[in-house]
């Protein structure tokens, strides 16, 4: 199942579910393992993240939070697809802090070409997030969340699955 894959990224629903983490690490085998760091994370969430980050080879971070977190744990930083690396200027700045960079999903392959030639990654497969909420669209606080996934429907009755992760 992981043939031809060199790096894998752990993006759990519950970062402190150690039995799921152990199972995932076992399945990942000798692949290079990164842990996903979401753009919106609290101080408490960063403390929880710190409890397991040492089990990984690096940090895959959406947004610049990884720039401050990766040195704290002496881990290589991979800036993720939602870090908004859209041109050669943002790429050059990101290279100062990140070991790997994935260009933004909003740009075309042609627009990304120079960055790809310089070593950037281009997201081609997998679950592509369309939106990330800073606040719960159901109006919950983390304390009273049912922690389940749910669906939002737009005015054309298109459904969008909302996946909640727990990191605080």
Protein backbone atom coordinates (compact mmCIF):
# COMPACT_ATOMS: atom_id res chain seq x y z
CA UNK A 1 0.00 0.00 0.00
CA UNK A 2 2.90 2.36 0.64
CA UNK A 3 4.97 1.20 -2.32
CA UNK A 4 6.79 4.05 -4.02
CA UNK A 5 6.12 6.37 -1.07
CA UNK A 6 9.12 7.88 0.72
CA UNK A 7 7.42 10.20 3.23
CA UNK A 8 4.19 9.79 5.18
CA UNK A 9 2.27 12.39 7.18
CA UNK A 10 0.36 11.64 10.38
CA UNK A 11 -2.78 13.76 10.68
CA UNK A 12 -4.92 12.21 13.43
CA UNK A 13 -8.27 13.19 14.84
CA UNK A 14 -6.85 12.89 18.37
CA UNK A 15 -3.16 13.62 18.78
CA UNK A 16 -3.00 11.93 22.19
CA UNK A 17 -4.57 8.64 21.08
CA UNK A 18 -1.34 6.70 21.58
CA UNK A 19 -2.74 3.34 20.47
CA UNK A 20 -3.71 4.82 17.07
CA UNK A 21 -0.30 6.49 16.86
CA UNK A 22 1.50 3.21 17.60
CA UNK A 23 -0.55 1.41 14.94
CA UNK A 24 0.16 4.15 12.37
CA UNK A 25 3.90 4.13 13.14
CA UNK A 26 3.96 0.38 12.68
CA UNK A 27 2.19 0.63 9.31
CA UNK A 28 4.52 3.44 8.20
CA UNK A 29 7.52 1.19 8.77
CA UNK A 30 10.79 2.65 7.50
CA UNK A 31 9.18 5.58 5.66
CA UNK A 32 10.16 9.11 6.64
CA UNK A 33 7.46 10.14 9.11
CA UNK A 34 6.12 13.66 9.56
CA UNK A 35 3.49 14.87 11.99
CA UNK A 36 0.91 17.41 10.79
CA UNK A 37 0.82 20.71 12.70
CA UNK A 38 -2.36 22.66 11.93
CA UNK A 39 -2.29 26.41 11.39
CA UNK A 40 -4.71 27.03 14.24
CA UNK A 41 -3.36 25.57 17.47
CA UNK A 42 -3.52 26.81 21.06
CA UNK A 43 -0.69 26.89 23.61
CA UNK A 44 -2.25 23.85 25.27
CA UNK A 45 -2.37 22.13 21.88
CA UNK A 46 1.31 22.87 21.32
CA UNK A 47 2.08 21.26 24.68
CA UNK A 48 0.14 18.14 23.61
CA UNK A 49 1.92 18.17 20.26
CA UNK A 50 5.23 18.30 22.14
CA UNK A 51 4.37 15.05 23.93
CA UNK A 52 4.54 13.00 20.71
CA UNK A 53 6.60 14.98 18.19
CA UNK A 54 9.83 13.18 19.14
CA UNK A 55 8.42 9.98 17.63
CA UNK A 56 8.59 11.59 14.17
CA UNK A 57 11.32 12.52 11.73
CA UNK A 58 9.91 15.99 11.08
CA UNK A 59 7.00 18.44 11.23
CA UNK A 60 4.57 19.06 8.34
CA UNK A 61 3.11 22.46 9.13
CA UNK A 62 0.27 24.47 7.64
CA UNK A 63 1.22 28.07 8.13
CA UNK A 64 4.14 29.69 9.87
CA UNK A 65 3.54 28.17 13.30
CA UNK A 66 6.00 25.45 12.28
CA UNK A 67 8.75 28.04 11.88
CA UNK A 68 8.76 28.61 15.65
CA UNK A 69 7.88 25.03 16.69
CA UNK A 70 10.36 22.96 14.66
CA UNK A 71 13.52 24.46 16.25
CA UNK A 72 12.10 23.81 19.73
CA UNK A 73 12.08 20.09 18.92
CA UNK A 74 15.14 20.02 16.62
CA UNK A 75 12.97 18.67 13.80
CA UNK A 76 13.12 19.46 10.10
CA UNK A 77 10.24 21.60 8.89
CA UNK A 78 8.12 20.86 5.84
CA UNK A 79 5.82 23.78 5.02
CA UNK A 80 2.55 22.29 3.86
CA UNK A 81 0.27 23.02 0.93
CA UNK A 82 -1.79 25.57 2.91
CA UNK A 83 1.24 27.70 3.81
CA UNK A 84 0.41 29.92 0.81
CA UNK A 85 3.70 29.65 -1.04
CA UNK A 86 2.51 31.15 -4.31
CA UNK A 87 5.51 32.81 -5.96
CA UNK A 88 9.29 32.98 -6.03
CA UNK A 89 9.39 35.66 -3.32
CA UNK A 90 7.37 33.67 -0.77
CA UNK A 91 9.35 30.55 -1.76
CA UNK A 92 12.70 32.30 -1.15
CA UNK A 93 11.57 33.51 2.28
CA UNK A 94 10.21 30.07 3.20
CA UNK A 95 13.51 28.43 2.20
CA UNK A 96 15.20 30.35 5.04
CA UNK A 97 13.16 28.37 7.57
CA UNK A 98 11.94 25.16 5.95
CA UNK A 99 13.74 22.05 4.78
CA UNK A 100 10.90 21.20 2.39
CA UNK A 101 8.14 23.30 0.87
CA UNK A 102 4.91 22.38 -0.86
CA UNK A 103 3.61 25.16 -3.10
CA UNK A 104 0.06 26.42 -2.71
CA UNK A 105 -2.75 24.38 -4.22
CA UNK A 106 -4.15 27.57 -5.75
CA UNK A 107 -1.40 27.90 -8.35
CA UNK A 108 -1.06 26.02 -11.59
CA UNK A 109 1.77 23.69 -12.50
CA UNK A 110 3.06 26.31 -14.93
CA UNK A 111 3.08 28.98 -12.18
CA UNK A 112 4.91 26.57 -9.86
CA UNK A 113 7.56 25.47 -12.39
CA UNK A 114 10.45 27.66 -11.18
CA UNK A 115 9.81 26.68 -7.56
CA UNK A 116 9.58 23.00 -8.49
CA UNK A 117 12.87 23.27 -10.36
CA UNK A 118 14.34 24.67 -7.13
CA UNK A 119 13.15 21.68 -5.09
CA UNK A 120 9.58 22.51 -4.06
CA UNK A 121 6.83 19.90 -3.92
CA UNK A 122 3.49 20.06 -5.76
CA UNK A 123 0.40 18.48 -4.19
CA UNK A 124 -1.10 15.99 -6.63
CA UNK A 125 -3.18 13.45 -4.69
CA UNK A 126 -4.95 12.81 -1.43
CA UNK A 127 -7.60 14.58 0.55
CA UNK A 128 -7.57 18.24 -0.36
CA UNK A 129 -9.03 20.52 2.28
CA UNK A 130 -11.16 23.30 0.90
CA UNK A 131 -11.41 25.34 4.07
CA UNK A 132 -10.16 25.42 7.64
CA UNK A 133 -12.24 26.99 10.37
CA UNK A 134 -10.71 28.91 13.23
CA UNK A 135 -14.03 28.78 15.06
CA UNK A 136 -16.54 25.95 15.13
CA UNK A 137 -19.29 26.36 12.52
CA UNK A 138 -21.69 24.60 14.92
CA UNK A 139 -20.99 27.21 17.59
CA UNK A 140 -19.45 24.73 20.03
CA UNK A 141 -16.48 25.28 22.27
CA UNK A 142 -13.91 22.51 22.44
CA UNK A 143 -15.14 21.59 25.92
CA UNK A 144 -18.66 20.73 24.75
CA UNK A 145 -17.88 19.32 21.29
CA UNK A 146 -19.27 15.92 20.37
CA UNK A 147 -15.94 15.40 18.53
CA UNK A 148 -17.65 13.73 15.62
CA UNK A 149 -17.44 14.58 11.96
CA UNK A 150 -20.41 16.31 10.40
CA UNK A 151 -21.51 17.71 7.07
CA UNK A 152 -22.16 21.27 5.96
CA UNK A 153 -24.49 21.90 3.03
CA UNK A 154 -24.36 24.92 0.76
CA UNK A 155 -27.21 26.70 -1.02
CA UNK A 156 -27.01 24.22 -3.93
CA UNK A 157 -27.31 21.24 -1.56
CA UNK A 158 -23.67 20.25 -2.11
CA UNK A 159 -22.35 18.51 0.97
CA UNK A 160 -18.93 19.05 2.52
CA UNK A 161 -17.56 16.74 5.17
CA UNK A 162 -16.13 18.57 8.18
CA UNK A 163 -13.38 16.67 9.98
CA UNK A 164 -12.49 17.78 13.48
CA UNK A 165 -9.06 17.16 14.96
CA UNK A 166 -8.31 17.38 18.66
CA UNK A 167 -5.14 19.18 19.59
CA UNK A 168 -6.00 21.01 22.79
